[in-house]
Amino acid sequence: MANNNQNIKVLQTALLEKLPCTRVREQELLCHHTTFKIGGPADLFIEPTTMAELSFTLRTIH
């Protein structure tokens, strides 16, 4: 589990270099983003708003 947390921190750091911190959040409850208001916390919730941000996000997480 510690290794997973470390990987998430590395990913978060890489994403925050290019994306505003308001769109890369830890432990964001998914219930705030679903129609039926269900869903627990996401390790990282990433919300790109442009094609460039989406492209960067996908390259970074892949």
PDB file of N, CA and C in Angstrom:
ATOM      1  N   MET A   1       0.821  -1.199   0.000  1.00  0.00           N
ATOM      2  CA  MET A   1       0.000   0.000   0.000  1.00  0.00           C
ATOM      3  C   MET A   1       0.860   1.256   0.000  1.00  0.00           C
ATOM      4  N   ALA A   2       1.970   1.233   0.732  1.00  0.00           N
ATOM      5  CA  ALA A   2       2.843   2.405   0.787  1.00  0.00           C
ATOM      6  C   ALA A   2       3.408   2.720  -0.587  1.00  0.00           C
ATOM      7  N   ASN A   3       3.720   1.680  -1.369  1.00  0.00           N
ATOM      8  CA  ASN A   3       4.243   1.891  -2.710  1.00  0.00           C
ATOM      9  C   ASN A   3       3.209   2.579  -3.593  1.00  0.00           C
ATOM     10  N   ASN A   4       1.939   2.183  -3.460  1.00  0.00           N
ATOM     11  CA  ASN A   4       0.865   2.809  -4.217  1.00  0.00           C
ATOM     12  C   ASN A   4       0.746   4.286  -3.854  1.00  0.00           C
ATOM     13  N   ASN A   5       0.793   4.602  -2.576  1.00  0.00           N
ATOM     14  CA  ASN A   5       0.722   6.000  -2.139  1.00  0.00           C
ATOM     15  C   ASN A   5       1.892   6.803  -2.684  1.00  0.00           C
ATOM     16  N   GLN A   6       3.062   6.189  -2.723  1.00  0.00           N
ATOM     17  CA  GLN A   6       4.241   6.864  -3.251  1.00  0.00           C
ATOM     18  C   GLN A   6       4.067   7.126  -4.751  1.00  0.00           C
ATOM     19  N   ASN A   7       3.534   6.148  -5.483  1.00  0.00           N
ATOM     20  CA  ASN A   7       3.289   6.325  -6.915  1.00  0.00           C
ATOM     21  C   ASN A   7       2.297   7.445  -7.176  1.00  0.00           C
ATOM     22  N   ILE A   8       1.270   7.529  -6.345  1.00  0.00           N
ATOM     23  CA  ILE A   8       0.265   8.579  -6.499  1.00  0.00           C
ATOM     24  C   ILE A   8       0.885   9.948  -6.248  1.00  0.00           C
ATOM     25  N   LYS A   9       1.739  10.051  -5.248  1.00  0.00           N
ATOM     26  CA  LYS A   9       2.413  11.328  -4.961  1.00  0.00           C
ATOM     27  C   LYS A   9       3.299  11.758  -6.133  1.00  0.00           C
ATOM     28  N   VAL A  10       4.016  10.803  -6.729  1.00  0.00           N
ATOM     29  CA  VAL A  10       4.871  11.109  -7.885  1.00  0.00           C
ATOM     30  C   VAL A  10       4.009  11.587  -9.052  1.00  0.00           C
ATOM     31  N   LEU A  11       2.908  10.896  -9.304  1.00  0.00           N
ATOM     32  CA  LEU A  11       1.992  11.281 -10.370  1.00  0.00           C
ATOM     33  C   LEU A  11       1.400  12.661 -10.105  1.00  0.00           C
ATOM     34  N   GLN A  12       0.976  12.899  -8.881  1.00  0.00           N
ATOM     35  CA  GLN A  12       0.395  14.191  -8.525  1.00  0.00           C
ATOM     36  C   GLN A  12       1.404  15.315  -8.735  1.00  0.00           C
ATOM     37  N   THR A  13       2.632  15.107  -8.338  1.00  0.00           N
ATOM     38  CA  THR A  13       3.675  16.118  -8.514  1.00  0.00           C
ATOM     39  C   THR A  13       3.878  16.425  -9.990  1.00  0.00           C
ATOM     40  N   ALA A  14       3.924  15.394 -10.818  1.00  0.00           N
ATOM     41  CA  ALA A  14       4.104  15.592 -12.261  1.00  0.00           C
ATOM     42  C   ALA A  14       2.935  16.363 -12.859  1.00  0.00           C
ATOM     43  N   LEU A  15       1.723  16.037 -12.441  1.00  0.00           N
ATOM     44  CA  LEU A  15       0.545  16.726 -12.970  1.00  0.00           C
ATOM     45  C   LEU A  15       0.491  18.180 -12.529  1.00  0.00           C
ATOM     46  N   LEU A  16       0.878  18.437 -11.287  1.00  0.00           N
ATOM     47  CA  LEU A  16       0.809  19.806 -10.764  1.00  0.00           C
ATOM     48  C   LEU A  16       1.825  20.737 -11.415  1.00  0.00           C
ATOM     49  N   GLU A  17       2.804  20.181 -12.110  1.00  0.00           N
ATOM     50  CA  GLU A  17       3.754  21.030 -12.826  1.00  0.00           C
ATOM     51  C   GLU A  17       3.082  21.778 -13.967  1.00  0.00           C
ATOM     52  N   LYS A  18       2.006  21.208 -14.524  1.00  0.00           N
ATOM     53  CA  LYS A  18       1.342  21.801 -15.686  1.00  0.00           C
ATOM     54  C   LYS A  18      -0.117  22.187 -15.452  1.00  0.00           C
ATOM     55  N   LEU A  19      -0.746  21.585 -14.458  1.00  0.00           N
ATOM     56  CA  LEU A  19      -2.170  21.830 -14.233  1.00  0.00           C
ATOM     57  C   LEU A  19      -2.375  22.617 -12.943  1.00  0.00           C
ATOM     58  N   PRO A  20      -3.390  23.487 -12.905  1.00  0.00           N
ATOM     59  CA  PRO A  20      -3.688  24.206 -11.660  1.00  0.00           C
ATOM     60  C   PRO A  20      -4.060  23.234 -10.538  1.00  0.00           C
ATOM     61  N   CYS A  21      -3.648  23.555  -9.334  1.00  0.00           N
ATOM     62  CA  CYS A  21      -3.893  22.661  -8.196  1.00  0.00           C
ATOM     63  C   CYS A  21      -5.376  22.454  -7.933  1.00  0.00           C
ATOM     64  N   THR A  22      -6.215  23.384  -8.364  1.00  0.00           N
ATOM     65  CA  THR A  22      -7.649  23.232  -8.131  1.00  0.00           C
ATOM     66  C   THR A  22      -8.248  22.115  -8.972  1.00  0.00           C
ATOM     67  N   ARG A  23      -7.503  21.630  -9.974  1.00  0.00           N
ATOM     68  CA  ARG A  23      -8.042  20.579 -10.833  1.00  0.00           C
ATOM     69  C   ARG A  23      -7.337  19.241 -10.655  1.00  0.00           C
ATOM     70  N   VAL A  24      -6.445  19.144  -9.684  1.00  0.00           N
ATOM     71  CA  VAL A  24      -5.805  17.878  -9.318  1.00  0.00           C
ATOM     72  C   VAL A  24      -5.992  17.732  -7.813  1.00  0.00           C
ATOM     73  N   ARG A  25      -6.934  16.866  -7.438  1.00  0.00           N
ATOM     74  CA  ARG A  25      -7.274  16.763  -6.024  1.00  0.00           C
ATOM     75  C   ARG A  25      -7.124  15.331  -5.526  1.00  0.00           C
ATOM     76  N   GLU A  26      -6.666  15.207  -4.296  1.00  0.00           N
ATOM     77  CA  GLU A  26      -6.561  13.906  -3.631  1.00  0.00           C
ATOM     78  C   GLU A  26      -7.839  13.627  -2.859  1.00  0.00           C
ATOM     79  N   GLN A  27      -8.213  12.360  -2.827  1.00  0.00           N
ATOM     80  CA  GLN A  27      -9.341  11.892  -2.016  1.00  0.00           C
ATOM     81  C   GLN A  27     -10.637  12.661  -2.297  1.00  0.00           C
ATOM     82  N   GLU A  28     -10.830  13.059  -3.534  1.00  0.00           N
ATOM     83  CA  GLU A  28     -12.065  13.743  -3.934  1.00  0.00           C
ATOM     84  C   GLU A  28     -13.203  12.729  -3.949  1.00  0.00           C
ATOM     85  N   LEU A  29     -14.301  13.059  -3.305  1.00  0.00           N
ATOM     86  CA  LEU A  29     -15.455  12.161  -3.285  1.00  0.00           C
ATOM     87  C   LEU A  29     -16.136  12.180  -4.647  1.00  0.00           C
ATOM     88  N   LEU A  30     -16.254  11.010  -5.244  1.00  0.00           N
ATOM     89  CA  LEU A  30     -16.861  10.916  -6.570  1.00  0.00           C
ATOM     90  C   LEU A  30     -18.362  11.163  -6.531  1.00  0.00           C
ATOM     91  N   CYS A  31     -18.972  11.066  -5.364  1.00  0.00           N
ATOM     92  CA  CYS A  31     -20.411  11.320  -5.254  1.00  0.00           C
ATOM     93  C   CYS A  31     -20.765  12.754  -5.654  1.00  0.00           C
ATOM     94  N   HIS A  32     -19.800  13.657  -5.599  1.00  0.00           N
ATOM     95  CA  HIS A  32     -20.042  15.044  -6.006  1.00  0.00           C
ATOM     96  C   HIS A  32     -20.059  15.202  -7.527  1.00  0.00           C
ATOM     97  N   HIS A  33     -19.716  14.146  -8.243  1.00  0.00           N
ATOM     98  CA  HIS A  33     -19.569  14.226  -9.695  1.00  0.00           C
ATOM     99  C   HIS A  33     -20.426  13.208 -10.440  1.00  0.00           C
ATOM    100  N   THR A  34     -21.362  12.559  -9.745  1.00  0.00           N
ATOM    101  CA  THR A  34     -22.196  11.544 -10.381  1.00  0.00           C
ATOM    102  C   THR A  34     -23.675  11.888 -10.224  1.00  0.00           C
ATOM    103  N   THR A  35     -24.463  11.423 -11.167  1.00  0.00           N
ATOM    104  CA  THR A  35     -25.900  11.702 -11.166  1.00  0.00           C
ATOM    105  C   THR A  35     -26.593  11.141  -9.931  1.00  0.00           C
ATOM    106  N   PHE A  36     -26.245   9.917  -9.549  1.00  0.00           N
ATOM    107  CA  PHE A  36     -26.918   9.269  -8.425  1.00  0.00           C
ATOM    108  C   PHE A  36     -26.265   9.560  -7.076  1.00  0.00           C
ATOM    109  N   LYS A  37     -25.266  10.427  -7.081  1.00  0.00           N
ATOM    110  CA  LYS A  37     -24.586  10.860  -5.847  1.00  0.00           C
ATOM    111  C   LYS A  37     -23.980   9.689  -5.079  1.00  0.00           C
ATOM    112  N   ILE A  38     -23.389   8.759  -5.840  1.00  0.00           N
ATOM    113  CA  ILE A  38     -22.701   7.639  -5.212  1.00  0.00           C
ATOM    114  C   ILE A  38     -21.232   7.668  -5.616  1.00  0.00           C
ATOM    115  N   GLY A  39     -20.396   7.105  -4.807  1.00  0.00           N
ATOM    116  CA  GLY A  39     -18.977   6.992  -5.123  1.00  0.00           C
ATOM    117  C   GLY A  39     -18.118   7.501  -3.989  1.00  0.00           C
ATOM    118  N   GLY A  40     -17.109   6.737  -3.691  1.00  0.00           N
ATOM    119  CA  GLY A  40     -16.187   7.079  -2.618  1.00  0.00           C
ATOM    120  C   GLY A  40     -15.036   7.935  -3.111  1.00  0.00           C
ATOM    121  N   PRO A  41     -13.991   8.012  -2.307  1.00  0.00           N
ATOM    122  CA  PRO A  41     -12.866   8.884  -2.639  1.00  0.00           C
ATOM    123  C   PRO A  41     -11.982   8.297  -3.745  1.00  0.00           C
ATOM    124  N   ALA A  42     -11.580   9.163  -4.659  1.00  0.00           N
ATOM    125  CA  ALA A  42     -10.621   8.784  -5.703  1.00  0.00           C
ATOM    126  C   ALA A  42      -9.220   9.095  -5.191  1.00  0.00           C
ATOM    127  N   ASP A  43      -8.270   8.232  -5.500  1.00  0.00           N
ATOM    128  CA  ASP A  43      -6.889   8.517  -5.105  1.00  0.00           C
ATOM    129  C   ASP A  43      -6.481   9.886  -5.644  1.00  0.00           C
ATOM    130  N   LEU A  44      -6.739  10.109  -6.924  1.00  0.00           N
ATOM    131  CA  LEU A  44      -6.522  11.419  -7.548  1.00  0.00           C
ATOM    132  C   LEU A  44      -7.697  11.701  -8.460  1.00  0.00           C
ATOM    133  N   PHE A  45      -8.223  12.899  -8.382  1.00  0.00           N
ATOM    134  CA  PHE A  45      -9.286  13.347  -9.275  1.00  0.00           C
ATOM    135  C   PHE A  45      -8.680  14.441 -10.134  1.00  0.00           C
ATOM    136  N   ILE A  46      -8.656  14.208 -11.435  1.00  0.00           N
ATOM    137  CA  ILE A  46      -8.007  15.126 -12.362  1.00  0.00           C
ATOM    138  C   ILE A  46      -9.071  15.665 -13.304  1.00  0.00           C
ATOM    139  N   GLU A  47      -9.148  16.979 -13.426  1.00  0.00           N
ATOM    140  CA  GLU A  47     -10.190  17.614 -14.208  1.00  0.00           C
ATOM    141  C   GLU A  47      -9.583  18.571 -15.239  1.00  0.00           C
ATOM    142  N   PRO A  48      -9.092  18.030 -16.369  1.00  0.00           N
ATOM    143  CA  PRO A  48      -8.542  18.909 -17.399  1.00  0.00           C
ATOM    144  C   PRO A  48      -9.661  19.700 -18.084  1.00  0.00           C
ATOM    145  N   THR A  49      -9.349  20.921 -18.517  1.00  0.00           N
ATOM    146  CA  THR A  49     -10.376  21.751 -19.151  1.00  0.00           C
ATOM    147  C   THR A  49     -10.068  22.083 -20.606  1.00  0.00           C
ATOM    148  N   THR A  50      -8.886  21.715 -21.072  1.00  0.00           N
ATOM    149  CA  THR A  50      -8.539  21.944 -22.476  1.00  0.00           C
ATOM    150  C   THR A  50      -8.010  20.641 -23.069  1.00  0.00           C
ATOM    151  N   MET A  51      -7.971  20.594 -24.384  1.00  0.00           N
ATOM    152  CA  MET A  51      -7.416  19.413 -25.050  1.00  0.00           C
ATOM    153  C   MET A  51      -5.939  19.242 -24.701  1.00  0.00           C
ATOM    154  N   ALA A  52      -5.222  20.342 -24.564  1.00  0.00           N
ATOM    155  CA  ALA A  52      -3.803  20.267 -24.206  1.00  0.00           C
ATOM    156  C   ALA A  52      -3.633  19.669 -22.812  1.00  0.00           C
ATOM    157  N   GLU A  53      -4.474  20.078 -21.865  1.00  0.00           N
ATOM    158  CA  GLU A  53      -4.410  19.517 -20.511  1.00  0.00           C
ATOM    159  C   GLU A  53      -4.783  18.038 -20.516  1.00  0.00           C
ATOM    160  N   LEU A  54      -5.793  17.682 -21.293  1.00  0.00           N
ATOM    161  CA  LEU A  54      -6.192  16.278 -21.384  1.00  0.00           C
ATOM    162  C   LEU A  54      -5.065  15.443 -21.982  1.00  0.00           C
ATOM    163  N   SER A  55      -4.469  15.937 -23.045  1.00  0.00           N
ATOM    164  CA  SER A  55      -3.361  15.232 -23.683  1.00  0.00           C
ATOM    165  C   SER A  55      -2.192  15.055 -22.719  1.00  0.00           C
ATOM    166  N   PHE A  56      -1.845  16.117 -22.007  1.00  0.00           N
ATOM    167  CA  PHE A  56      -0.764  16.046 -21.020  1.00  0.00           C
ATOM    168  C   PHE A  56      -1.097  15.033 -19.924  1.00  0.00           C
ATOM    169  N   THR A  57      -2.326  15.067 -19.437  1.00  0.00           N
ATOM    170  CA  THR A  57      -2.752  14.152 -18.376  1.00  0.00           C
ATOM    171  C   THR A  57      -2.642  12.701 -18.832  1.00  0.00           C
ATOM    172  N   LEU A  58      -3.133  12.418 -20.020  1.00  0.00           N
ATOM    173  CA  LEU A  58      -3.089  11.044 -20.522  1.00  0.00           C
ATOM    174  C   LEU A  58      -1.659  10.574 -20.756  1.00  0.00           C
ATOM    175  N   ARG A  59      -0.802  11.437 -21.267  1.00  0.00           N
ATOM    176  CA  ARG A  59       0.607  11.062 -21.448  1.00  0.00           C
ATOM    177  C   ARG A  59       1.270  10.803 -20.098  1.00  0.00           C
ATOM    178  N   THR A  60       0.926  11.598 -19.111  1.00  0.00           N
ATOM    179  CA  THR A  60       1.548  11.478 -17.790  1.00  0.00           C
ATOM    180  C   THR A  60       1.104  10.212 -17.068  1.00  0.00           C
ATOM    181  N   ILE A  61      -0.168   9.889 -17.126  1.00  0.00           N
ATOM    182  CA  ILE A  61      -0.655   8.723 -16.383  1.00  0.00           C
ATOM    183  C   ILE A  61      -0.391   7.411 -17.103  1.00  0.00           C
ATOM    184  N   HIS A  62      -0.143   7.482 -18.385  1.00  0.00           N
ATOM    185  CA  HIS A  62       0.104   6.254 -19.140  1.00  0.00           C
ATOM    186  C   HIS A  62       1.524   5.895 -18.982  1.00  0.00           C
TER     187      HIS A  62
END
